[in-house]
């Protein structure tokens, strides 16, 4: 059976957001550089492009740490949700990068809030519009009705995918996950 045939009976799509629908890395690296211009001006002047390895490596390490925590802390989210998790990891990484003295609370809080301002990939809006002609949508990460913050866990915890299925009020065969990450698709398929 082809992938298209597998979707024939699907009515409801759940979306991973980070990396699949939004370009988190470009936005967060631009934000980090912008804030570093105030708190680490020499480094920002030396590396003025957000695509520079300094910024790309930092934000990738931050995201990798978050994903590693997500996989090991299933069902044990930080009380403050994603923001709290991002902040704790940022604090830890700033120490590792030996720049924690430069980054005051205001700068750290500002950078954490940037995760709420992510922009879609250039083709996301058109692709979503076309898919929405046939499918019902639900965001599987940060919508009020279905987010890790609301149910207290992270993907790939089976509870995330089970909640998505419950919210659809459809049989699992009529629900599909849209994600750019193989681990996410495998976890969704297992449910």
N, C-alpha and C. Protein backbone atom coordinates (compact mmCIF):
# COMPACT_ATOMS: atom_id res chain seq x y z
N UNK A 1 0.85 -1.17 0.00
CA UNK A 1 0.00 0.00 0.00
C UNK A 1 0.90 1.24 0.00
N UNK A 2 0.60 2.22 -0.85
CA UNK A 2 1.41 3.44 -0.93
C UNK A 2 1.07 4.38 0.22
N UNK A 3 1.94 5.38 0.41
CA UNK A 3 1.69 6.38 1.45
C UNK A 3 0.38 7.11 1.21
N UNK A 4 0.07 7.41 -0.04
CA UNK A 4 -1.18 8.11 -0.37
C UNK A 4 -2.38 7.23 -0.01
N UNK A 5 -2.29 5.95 -0.32
CA UNK A 5 -3.39 5.05 0.03
C UNK A 5 -3.56 4.94 1.53
N UNK A 6 -2.45 4.99 2.27
CA UNK A 6 -2.53 4.95 3.73
C UNK A 6 -3.30 6.14 4.30
N UNK A 7 -3.30 7.25 3.59
CA UNK A 7 -3.97 8.46 4.05
C UNK A 7 -5.41 8.59 3.54
N UNK A 8 -5.84 7.66 2.75
CA UNK A 8 -7.16 7.74 2.13
C UNK A 8 -8.28 7.97 3.15
N UNK A 9 -8.24 7.28 4.28
CA UNK A 9 -9.30 7.39 5.27
C UNK A 9 -9.01 8.41 6.37
N UNK A 10 -7.85 9.05 6.32
CA UNK A 10 -7.48 10.02 7.36
C UNK A 10 -8.32 11.28 7.22
N UNK A 11 -8.82 11.76 8.36
CA UNK A 11 -9.61 12.98 8.40
C UNK A 11 -8.94 14.10 9.19
N UNK A 12 -8.09 13.72 10.14
CA UNK A 12 -7.56 14.68 11.10
C UNK A 12 -6.04 14.61 11.10
N UNK A 13 -5.38 15.76 10.95
CA UNK A 13 -3.92 15.81 10.99
C UNK A 13 -3.47 16.54 12.25
N UNK A 14 -2.50 15.96 12.94
CA UNK A 14 -1.85 16.60 14.07
C UNK A 14 -0.44 16.98 13.62
N UNK A 15 -0.03 18.18 13.94
CA UNK A 15 1.25 18.70 13.48
C UNK A 15 2.25 18.89 14.59
N UNK A 16 3.45 18.39 14.36
CA UNK A 16 4.59 18.85 15.13
C UNK A 16 4.86 20.25 14.58
N UNK A 17 5.37 21.13 15.39
CA UNK A 17 5.58 22.50 14.94
C UNK A 17 7.06 22.80 14.71
N UNK A 18 7.90 22.60 15.72
CA UNK A 18 9.31 22.97 15.61
C UNK A 18 10.01 22.16 14.54
N UNK A 19 10.49 22.84 13.53
CA UNK A 19 11.21 22.19 12.45
C UNK A 19 10.31 21.72 11.33
N UNK A 20 9.08 21.37 11.64
CA UNK A 20 8.16 20.88 10.61
C UNK A 20 7.42 22.05 9.97
N UNK A 21 6.88 22.93 10.76
CA UNK A 21 6.09 24.05 10.27
C UNK A 21 6.83 25.38 10.43
N UNK A 22 7.62 25.50 11.48
CA UNK A 22 8.35 26.75 11.71
C UNK A 22 9.86 26.54 11.66
N UNK A 23 10.54 27.60 11.26
CA UNK A 23 12.00 27.61 11.17
C UNK A 23 12.54 28.16 12.49
N UNK A 24 12.55 27.32 13.50
CA UNK A 24 12.96 27.76 14.83
C UNK A 24 14.43 28.19 14.86
N UNK A 25 15.27 27.48 14.12
CA UNK A 25 16.71 27.71 14.24
C UNK A 25 17.12 29.09 13.74
N UNK A 26 16.57 29.52 12.61
CA UNK A 26 16.91 30.85 12.10
C UNK A 26 16.46 31.94 13.06
N UNK A 27 15.22 31.81 13.54
CA UNK A 27 14.69 32.84 14.43
C UNK A 27 15.46 32.90 15.75
N UNK A 28 15.71 31.77 16.36
CA UNK A 28 16.39 31.77 17.65
C UNK A 28 17.84 32.23 17.51
N UNK A 29 18.51 31.86 16.42
CA UNK A 29 19.90 32.32 16.24
C UNK A 29 19.94 33.83 15.99
N UNK A 30 18.97 34.35 15.23
CA UNK A 30 18.89 35.81 15.03
C UNK A 30 18.63 36.53 16.35
N UNK A 31 17.74 35.97 17.15
CA UNK A 31 17.41 36.57 18.45
C UNK A 31 18.61 36.52 19.39
N UNK A 32 19.31 35.39 19.39
CA UNK A 32 20.48 35.26 20.25
C UNK A 32 21.54 36.28 19.87
N UNK A 33 21.77 36.44 18.58
CA UNK A 33 22.75 37.43 18.11
C UNK A 33 22.32 38.84 18.50
N UNK A 34 21.04 39.16 18.31
CA UNK A 34 20.53 40.49 18.64
C UNK A 34 20.75 40.80 20.12
N UNK A 35 20.41 39.87 20.98
CA UNK A 35 20.57 40.08 22.42
C UNK A 35 22.05 40.08 22.80
N UNK A 36 22.83 39.23 22.17
CA UNK A 36 24.27 39.19 22.44
C UNK A 36 24.92 40.52 22.06
N UNK A 37 24.33 41.22 21.11
CA UNK A 37 24.85 42.54 20.76
C UNK A 37 24.88 43.47 21.96
N UNK A 38 23.97 43.26 22.90
CA UNK A 38 23.95 44.06 24.14
C UNK A 38 24.82 43.45 25.23
N UNK A 39 24.77 42.12 25.37
CA UNK A 39 25.41 41.49 26.54
C UNK A 39 26.78 40.87 26.23
N UNK A 40 27.02 40.54 24.98
CA UNK A 40 28.33 40.03 24.55
C UNK A 40 28.75 40.81 23.30
N UNK A 41 28.89 42.12 23.39
CA UNK A 41 29.11 42.94 22.20
C UNK A 41 30.36 42.58 21.39
N UNK A 42 31.43 42.19 22.07
CA UNK A 42 32.66 41.83 21.33
C UNK A 42 32.43 40.59 20.47
N UNK A 43 31.75 39.58 21.02
CA UNK A 43 31.48 38.37 20.26
C UNK A 43 30.51 38.66 19.11
N UNK A 44 29.49 39.45 19.39
CA UNK A 44 28.51 39.81 18.35
C UNK A 44 29.17 40.60 17.22
N UNK A 45 30.11 41.47 17.57
CA UNK A 45 30.82 42.25 16.55
C UNK A 45 31.74 41.35 15.72
N UNK A 46 32.35 40.39 16.38
CA UNK A 46 33.26 39.47 15.69
C UNK A 46 32.48 38.49 14.79
N UNK A 47 31.25 38.16 15.19
CA UNK A 47 30.40 37.21 14.44
C UNK A 47 29.04 37.86 14.19
N UNK A 48 28.96 38.80 13.22
CA UNK A 48 27.74 39.59 13.03
C UNK A 48 26.62 38.91 12.23
N UNK A 49 26.85 37.68 11.79
CA UNK A 49 25.85 36.97 10.99
C UNK A 49 25.24 35.84 11.83
N UNK A 50 23.92 35.81 11.91
CA UNK A 50 23.26 34.77 12.72
C UNK A 50 23.47 33.37 12.16
N UNK A 51 23.94 33.27 10.91
CA UNK A 51 24.24 31.97 10.32
C UNK A 51 25.65 31.51 10.67
N UNK A 52 26.40 32.35 11.36
CA UNK A 52 27.75 32.00 11.80
C UNK A 52 27.67 30.78 12.72
N UNK A 53 28.69 29.97 12.67
CA UNK A 53 28.72 28.73 13.46
C UNK A 53 28.56 28.98 14.96
N UNK A 54 29.03 30.11 15.46
CA UNK A 54 28.90 30.41 16.89
C UNK A 54 27.43 30.37 17.30
N UNK A 55 26.59 31.08 16.57
CA UNK A 55 25.16 31.17 16.93
C UNK A 55 24.43 29.90 16.57
N UNK A 56 24.74 29.34 15.41
CA UNK A 56 24.10 28.09 14.99
C UNK A 56 24.40 26.96 15.97
N UNK A 57 25.65 26.87 16.40
CA UNK A 57 26.03 25.83 17.35
C UNK A 57 25.36 26.03 18.70
N UNK A 58 25.30 27.27 19.16
CA UNK A 58 24.68 27.53 20.45
C UNK A 58 23.19 27.15 20.44
N UNK A 59 22.47 27.61 19.43
CA UNK A 59 21.03 27.32 19.43
C UNK A 59 20.77 25.83 19.20
N UNK A 60 21.60 25.19 18.39
CA UNK A 60 21.42 23.75 18.18
C UNK A 60 21.70 22.98 19.47
N UNK A 61 22.70 23.39 20.20
CA UNK A 61 22.99 22.74 21.48
C UNK A 61 21.83 22.95 22.44
N UNK A 62 21.27 24.14 22.47
CA UNK A 62 20.13 24.43 23.35
C UNK A 62 18.95 23.54 23.00
N UNK A 63 18.64 23.44 21.70
CA UNK A 63 17.53 22.59 21.27
C UNK A 63 17.82 21.11 21.54
N UNK A 64 19.05 20.68 21.28
CA UNK A 64 19.41 19.28 21.54
C UNK A 64 19.24 18.94 23.02
N UNK A 65 19.66 19.84 23.88
CA UNK A 65 19.51 19.63 25.32
C UNK A 65 18.03 19.52 25.68
N UNK A 66 17.22 20.39 25.09
CA UNK A 66 15.79 20.36 25.37
C UNK A 66 15.18 19.03 24.92
N UNK A 67 15.55 18.60 23.71
CA UNK A 67 15.01 17.34 23.19
C UNK A 67 15.49 16.15 24.01
N UNK A 68 16.72 16.20 24.45
CA UNK A 68 17.24 15.13 25.30
C UNK A 68 16.46 15.05 26.61
N UNK A 69 16.19 16.21 27.19
CA UNK A 69 15.39 16.27 28.41
C UNK A 69 13.98 15.75 28.15
N UNK A 70 13.41 16.13 27.00
CA UNK A 70 12.05 15.71 26.67
C UNK A 70 11.95 14.19 26.61
N UNK A 71 12.96 13.56 26.04
CA UNK A 71 12.92 12.11 25.89
C UNK A 71 13.14 11.38 27.21
N UNK A 72 13.85 12.02 28.14
CA UNK A 72 14.13 11.35 29.41
C UNK A 72 13.17 11.74 30.53
N UNK A 73 12.42 12.82 30.35
CA UNK A 73 11.53 13.30 31.41
C UNK A 73 10.06 13.07 31.08
N UNK A 74 9.75 12.04 30.34
CA UNK A 74 8.36 11.80 29.97
C UNK A 74 7.48 11.77 31.22
N UNK A 75 6.43 12.59 31.17
CA UNK A 75 5.50 12.66 32.29
C UNK A 75 6.00 13.49 33.46
N UNK A 76 7.15 14.15 33.30
CA UNK A 76 7.74 14.91 34.41
C UNK A 76 8.16 16.30 33.95
N UNK A 77 7.28 17.04 33.35
CA UNK A 77 7.62 18.37 32.86
C UNK A 77 7.94 19.33 34.00
N UNK A 78 8.69 20.35 33.66
CA UNK A 78 8.96 21.42 34.61
C UNK A 78 7.63 22.10 34.94
N UNK A 79 7.49 22.60 36.16
CA UNK A 79 6.23 23.24 36.57
C UNK A 79 5.86 24.40 35.66
N UNK A 80 6.83 25.13 35.14
CA UNK A 80 6.57 26.26 34.27
C UNK A 80 6.47 25.89 32.81
N UNK A 81 6.44 24.61 32.50
CA UNK A 81 6.30 24.15 31.12
C UNK A 81 7.54 24.39 30.28
N UNK A 82 7.30 24.60 29.00
CA UNK A 82 8.40 24.75 28.06
C UNK A 82 9.28 25.95 28.39
N UNK A 83 8.66 27.06 28.81
CA UNK A 83 9.46 28.23 29.14
C UNK A 83 10.43 27.94 30.28
N UNK A 84 9.94 27.28 31.30
CA UNK A 84 10.80 26.93 32.43
C UNK A 84 11.92 25.99 31.99
N UNK A 85 11.56 25.00 31.17
CA UNK A 85 12.57 24.07 30.67
C UNK A 85 13.62 24.76 29.83
N UNK A 86 13.17 25.64 28.91
CA UNK A 86 14.13 26.39 28.10
C UNK A 86 15.03 27.27 28.97
N UNK A 87 14.45 27.90 29.97
CA UNK A 87 15.24 28.80 30.82
C UNK A 87 16.28 28.02 31.63
N UNK A 88 15.90 26.91 32.23
CA UNK A 88 16.84 26.11 33.00
C UNK A 88 18.01 25.64 32.14
N UNK A 89 17.68 25.20 30.92
CA UNK A 89 18.74 24.73 30.02
C UNK A 89 19.61 25.88 29.54
N UNK A 90 19.00 27.04 29.28
CA UNK A 90 19.78 28.20 28.88
C UNK A 90 20.76 28.59 29.99
N UNK A 91 20.28 28.60 31.23
CA UNK A 91 21.16 28.92 32.36
C UNK A 91 22.35 27.97 32.40
N UNK A 92 22.07 26.69 32.24
CA UNK A 92 23.12 25.67 32.26
C UNK A 92 24.13 25.89 31.13
N UNK A 93 23.62 26.15 29.93
CA UNK A 93 24.50 26.32 28.78
C UNK A 93 25.33 27.60 28.87
N UNK A 94 24.74 28.67 29.38
CA UNK A 94 25.51 29.91 29.54
C UNK A 94 26.69 29.70 30.47
N UNK A 95 26.48 28.86 31.48
CA UNK A 95 27.59 28.48 32.37
C UNK A 95 28.66 27.71 31.59
N UNK A 96 28.22 26.73 30.81
CA UNK A 96 29.17 25.92 30.01
C UNK A 96 29.93 26.78 29.02
N UNK A 97 29.25 27.77 28.43
CA UNK A 97 29.89 28.65 27.45
C UNK A 97 30.74 29.74 28.13
N UNK A 98 30.69 29.74 29.45
CA UNK A 98 31.46 30.69 30.27
C UNK A 98 31.08 32.15 29.98
N UNK A 99 29.78 32.38 29.80
CA UNK A 99 29.27 33.74 29.56
C UNK A 99 28.10 34.07 30.48
N UNK A 100 27.90 33.29 31.51
CA UNK A 100 26.72 33.49 32.36
C UNK A 100 26.73 34.85 33.05
N UNK A 101 27.90 35.40 33.34
CA UNK A 101 27.97 36.72 33.98
C UNK A 101 27.43 37.80 33.06
N UNK A 102 27.62 37.64 31.77
CA UNK A 102 27.19 38.66 30.81
C UNK A 102 25.67 38.65 30.59
N UNK A 103 25.07 37.48 30.71
CA UNK A 103 23.64 37.33 30.42
C UNK A 103 22.83 37.52 31.71
N UNK A 104 22.27 38.71 31.89
CA UNK A 104 21.44 38.96 33.07
C UNK A 104 20.05 38.34 32.88
N UNK A 105 19.24 38.39 33.92
CA UNK A 105 17.90 37.78 33.86
C UNK A 105 17.05 38.35 32.74
N UNK A 106 17.15 39.66 32.53
CA UNK A 106 16.35 40.31 31.47
C UNK A 106 16.70 39.72 30.10
N UNK A 107 17.98 39.58 29.81
CA UNK A 107 18.42 39.03 28.53
C UNK A 107 17.99 37.57 28.38
N UNK A 108 18.12 36.81 29.45
CA UNK A 108 17.73 35.40 29.42
C UNK A 108 16.23 35.25 29.20
N UNK A 109 15.44 36.01 29.94
CA UNK A 109 13.98 35.95 29.78
C UNK A 109 13.56 36.36 28.39
N UNK A 110 14.21 37.40 27.87
CA UNK A 110 13.90 37.87 26.52
C UNK A 110 14.16 36.78 25.49
N UNK A 111 15.27 36.09 25.62
CA UNK A 111 15.60 35.03 24.66
C UNK A 111 14.63 33.86 24.77
N UNK A 112 14.26 33.47 25.97
CA UNK A 112 13.30 32.37 26.15
C UNK A 112 11.96 32.73 25.50
N UNK A 113 11.53 33.98 25.63
CA UNK A 113 10.25 34.40 25.04
C UNK A 113 10.25 34.34 23.51
N UNK A 114 11.43 34.34 22.93
CA UNK A 114 11.52 34.28 21.46
C UNK A 114 10.97 32.97 20.91
N UNK A 115 10.91 31.92 21.74
CA UNK A 115 10.34 30.65 21.28
C UNK A 115 8.84 30.80 20.97
N UNK A 116 8.22 31.87 21.43
CA UNK A 116 6.80 32.13 21.16
C UNK A 116 6.59 32.96 19.90
N UNK A 117 7.67 33.36 19.24
CA UNK A 117 7.59 34.27 18.09
C UNK A 117 8.11 33.64 16.80
N UNK A 118 8.18 32.34 16.75
CA UNK A 118 8.78 31.65 15.60
C UNK A 118 7.98 31.90 14.32
N UNK A 119 8.70 31.99 13.22
CA UNK A 119 8.09 32.21 11.91
C UNK A 119 8.05 30.89 11.13
N UNK A 120 7.03 30.74 10.32
CA UNK A 120 6.90 29.54 9.50
C UNK A 120 7.92 29.50 8.38
N UNK A 121 8.15 28.30 7.89
CA UNK A 121 8.97 28.15 6.69
C UNK A 121 8.27 28.90 5.56
N UNK A 122 9.01 29.28 4.55
CA UNK A 122 8.44 30.10 3.47
C UNK A 122 7.27 29.42 2.77
N UNK A 123 7.25 28.10 2.74
CA UNK A 123 6.16 27.39 2.06
C UNK A 123 5.11 26.82 3.03
N UNK A 124 5.26 27.08 4.32
CA UNK A 124 4.34 26.49 5.30
C UNK A 124 2.90 26.96 5.11
N UNK A 125 2.70 28.25 4.96
CA UNK A 125 1.34 28.78 4.88
C UNK A 125 0.59 28.18 3.69
N UNK A 126 1.23 28.16 2.54
CA UNK A 126 0.56 27.60 1.35
C UNK A 126 0.32 26.11 1.51
N UNK A 127 1.29 25.40 2.03
CA UNK A 127 1.12 23.96 2.24
C UNK A 127 0.00 23.66 3.22
N UNK A 128 -0.05 24.40 4.31
CA UNK A 128 -1.12 24.20 5.29
C UNK A 128 -2.48 24.53 4.69
N UNK A 129 -2.53 25.59 3.93
CA UNK A 129 -3.80 25.97 3.28
C UNK A 129 -4.29 24.85 2.37
N UNK A 130 -3.41 24.27 1.59
CA UNK A 130 -3.80 23.19 0.68
C UNK A 130 -4.23 21.94 1.45
N UNK A 131 -3.51 21.60 2.49
CA UNK A 131 -3.89 20.43 3.29
C UNK A 131 -5.22 20.64 4.00
N UNK A 132 -5.46 21.89 4.42
CA UNK A 132 -6.69 22.18 5.17
C UNK A 132 -7.95 22.06 4.30
N UNK A 133 -7.77 22.04 3.00
CA UNK A 133 -8.91 21.82 2.10
C UNK A 133 -9.48 20.41 2.28
N UNK A 134 -8.65 19.48 2.75
CA UNK A 134 -9.09 18.09 2.90
C UNK A 134 -9.12 17.58 4.34
N UNK A 135 -8.30 18.15 5.20
CA UNK A 135 -8.15 17.61 6.55
C UNK A 135 -8.52 18.62 7.62
N UNK A 136 -8.91 18.10 8.79
CA UNK A 136 -9.06 18.90 10.00
C UNK A 136 -7.68 18.96 10.63
N UNK A 137 -7.31 20.10 11.18
CA UNK A 137 -5.99 20.29 11.77
C UNK A 137 -6.05 20.40 13.27
N UNK A 138 -4.96 19.99 13.90
CA UNK A 138 -4.71 20.28 15.31
C UNK A 138 -3.21 20.33 15.49
N UNK A 139 -2.74 21.34 16.17
CA UNK A 139 -1.33 21.48 16.47
C UNK A 139 -1.00 20.53 17.61
N UNK A 140 0.06 19.79 17.48
CA UNK A 140 0.40 18.79 18.50
C UNK A 140 1.55 19.25 19.39
N UNK A 141 1.65 20.53 19.62
CA UNK A 141 2.74 20.96 20.47
C UNK A 141 2.36 22.09 21.40
N UNK A 142 1.77 23.16 20.87
CA UNK A 142 1.60 24.30 21.75
C UNK A 142 0.22 24.95 21.69
N UNK A 143 -0.76 24.27 21.14
CA UNK A 143 -2.10 24.85 21.18
C UNK A 143 -2.68 24.68 22.58
N UNK A 144 -3.61 25.54 22.97
CA UNK A 144 -4.18 25.42 24.32
C UNK A 144 -4.83 24.07 24.56
N UNK A 145 -5.46 23.50 23.56
CA UNK A 145 -6.18 22.24 23.76
C UNK A 145 -5.26 21.03 23.81
N UNK A 146 -4.10 21.11 23.17
CA UNK A 146 -3.23 19.93 23.13
C UNK A 146 -1.77 20.34 23.09
N UNK A 147 -1.21 20.53 24.23
CA UNK A 147 0.21 20.82 24.28
C UNK A 147 0.83 20.03 25.41
N UNK A 148 2.13 19.89 25.33
CA UNK A 148 2.82 19.22 26.41
C UNK A 148 2.60 19.94 27.73
N UNK A 149 2.52 21.27 27.67
CA UNK A 149 2.29 22.02 28.90
C UNK A 149 0.94 21.68 29.51
N UNK A 150 -0.07 21.45 28.68
CA UNK A 150 -1.41 21.19 29.23
C UNK A 150 -1.57 19.78 29.78
N UNK A 151 -0.79 18.82 29.27
CA UNK A 151 -0.93 17.46 29.79
C UNK A 151 0.29 17.00 30.58
N UNK A 152 1.29 17.86 30.70
CA UNK A 152 2.41 17.59 31.58
C UNK A 152 3.42 16.60 31.07
N UNK A 153 3.64 16.54 29.77
CA UNK A 153 4.65 15.63 29.23
C UNK A 153 5.18 16.16 27.91
N UNK A 154 6.15 15.48 27.36
CA UNK A 154 6.79 15.83 26.10
C UNK A 154 6.62 14.70 25.10
N UNK A 155 6.70 15.04 23.82
CA UNK A 155 6.85 14.00 22.82
C UNK A 155 8.27 13.46 22.96
N UNK A 156 8.53 12.22 22.81
CA UNK A 156 7.72 11.14 22.25
C UNK A 156 6.96 10.30 23.28
N UNK A 157 6.61 10.87 24.41
CA UNK A 157 5.79 10.15 25.39
C UNK A 157 4.48 9.72 24.71
N UNK A 158 4.13 8.45 24.79
CA UNK A 158 2.88 7.97 24.16
C UNK A 158 1.65 8.78 24.58
N UNK A 159 1.68 9.37 25.77
CA UNK A 159 0.53 10.16 26.23
C UNK A 159 0.22 11.32 25.30
N UNK A 160 1.25 11.90 24.67
CA UNK A 160 1.01 13.01 23.74
C UNK A 160 0.17 12.55 22.55
N UNK A 161 0.51 11.42 21.98
CA UNK A 161 -0.18 10.93 20.80
C UNK A 161 -1.56 10.39 21.16
N UNK A 162 -1.65 9.77 22.32
CA UNK A 162 -2.95 9.27 22.78
C UNK A 162 -3.91 10.43 23.03
N UNK A 163 -3.40 11.53 23.56
CA UNK A 163 -4.23 12.72 23.77
C UNK A 163 -4.70 13.28 22.43
N UNK A 164 -3.84 13.28 21.44
CA UNK A 164 -4.21 13.76 20.12
C UNK A 164 -5.36 12.93 19.55
N UNK A 165 -5.26 11.63 19.70
CA UNK A 165 -6.32 10.75 19.21
C UNK A 165 -7.62 11.01 19.97
N UNK A 166 -7.53 11.13 21.30
CA UNK A 166 -8.74 11.42 22.10
C UNK A 166 -9.40 12.72 21.67
N UNK A 167 -8.60 13.76 21.45
CA UNK A 167 -9.15 15.05 21.06
C UNK A 167 -9.86 15.01 19.71
N UNK A 168 -9.40 14.16 18.83
CA UNK A 168 -10.03 14.07 17.51
C UNK A 168 -11.40 13.41 17.58
N UNK A 169 -11.61 12.59 18.61
CA UNK A 169 -12.84 11.80 18.75
C UNK A 169 -13.07 10.90 17.52
N UNK A 170 -11.96 10.47 16.96
CA UNK A 170 -11.98 9.58 15.80
C UNK A 170 -11.18 8.33 16.11
N UNK A 171 -11.42 7.25 15.38
CA UNK A 171 -10.57 6.07 15.54
C UNK A 171 -9.14 6.40 15.10
N UNK A 172 -8.14 5.75 15.69
CA UNK A 172 -6.75 6.04 15.32
C UNK A 172 -6.47 5.96 13.82
N UNK A 173 -7.17 5.11 13.10
CA UNK A 173 -6.92 4.97 11.66
C UNK A 173 -7.32 6.21 10.87
N UNK A 174 -8.05 7.12 11.49
CA UNK A 174 -8.48 8.34 10.81
C UNK A 174 -7.65 9.56 11.22
N UNK A 175 -6.59 9.30 11.99
CA UNK A 175 -5.74 10.36 12.51
C UNK A 175 -4.31 10.13 12.02
N UNK A 176 -3.63 11.21 11.61
CA UNK A 176 -2.24 11.08 11.17
C UNK A 176 -1.41 12.22 11.76
N UNK A 177 -0.15 11.92 11.99
CA UNK A 177 0.81 12.89 12.51
C UNK A 177 1.62 13.43 11.35
N UNK A 178 1.83 14.73 11.33
CA UNK A 178 2.69 15.38 10.34
C UNK A 178 3.91 15.90 11.10
N UNK A 179 5.09 15.38 10.76
CA UNK A 179 6.31 15.77 11.45
C UNK A 179 7.51 15.58 10.54
N UNK A 180 8.52 16.37 10.76
CA UNK A 180 9.76 16.26 10.00
C UNK A 180 10.74 15.29 10.64
N UNK A 181 10.40 14.81 11.83
CA UNK A 181 11.34 14.01 12.61
C UNK A 181 10.89 12.55 12.66
N UNK A 182 11.78 11.66 12.26
CA UNK A 182 11.46 10.24 12.23
C UNK A 182 11.04 9.68 13.58
N UNK A 183 11.73 10.09 14.67
CA UNK A 183 11.37 9.57 15.99
C UNK A 183 9.93 9.93 16.34
N UNK A 184 9.50 11.11 15.92
CA UNK A 184 8.15 11.59 16.21
C UNK A 184 7.12 10.76 15.43
N UNK A 185 7.40 10.52 14.17
CA UNK A 185 6.49 9.72 13.34
C UNK A 185 6.42 8.27 13.84
N UNK A 186 7.56 7.73 14.22
CA UNK A 186 7.56 6.35 14.75
C UNK A 186 6.76 6.26 16.03
N UNK A 187 6.93 7.23 16.91
CA UNK A 187 6.18 7.22 18.18
C UNK A 187 4.68 7.37 17.92
N UNK A 188 4.31 8.25 16.98
CA UNK A 188 2.90 8.43 16.66
C UNK A 188 2.32 7.15 16.06
N UNK A 189 3.07 6.53 15.17
CA UNK A 189 2.60 5.29 14.52
C UNK A 189 2.35 4.18 15.53
N UNK A 190 3.16 4.15 16.57
CA UNK A 190 3.00 3.09 17.58
C UNK A 190 1.70 3.24 18.37
N UNK A 191 1.06 4.40 18.28
CA UNK A 191 -0.18 4.63 19.01
C UNK A 191 -1.39 4.52 18.10
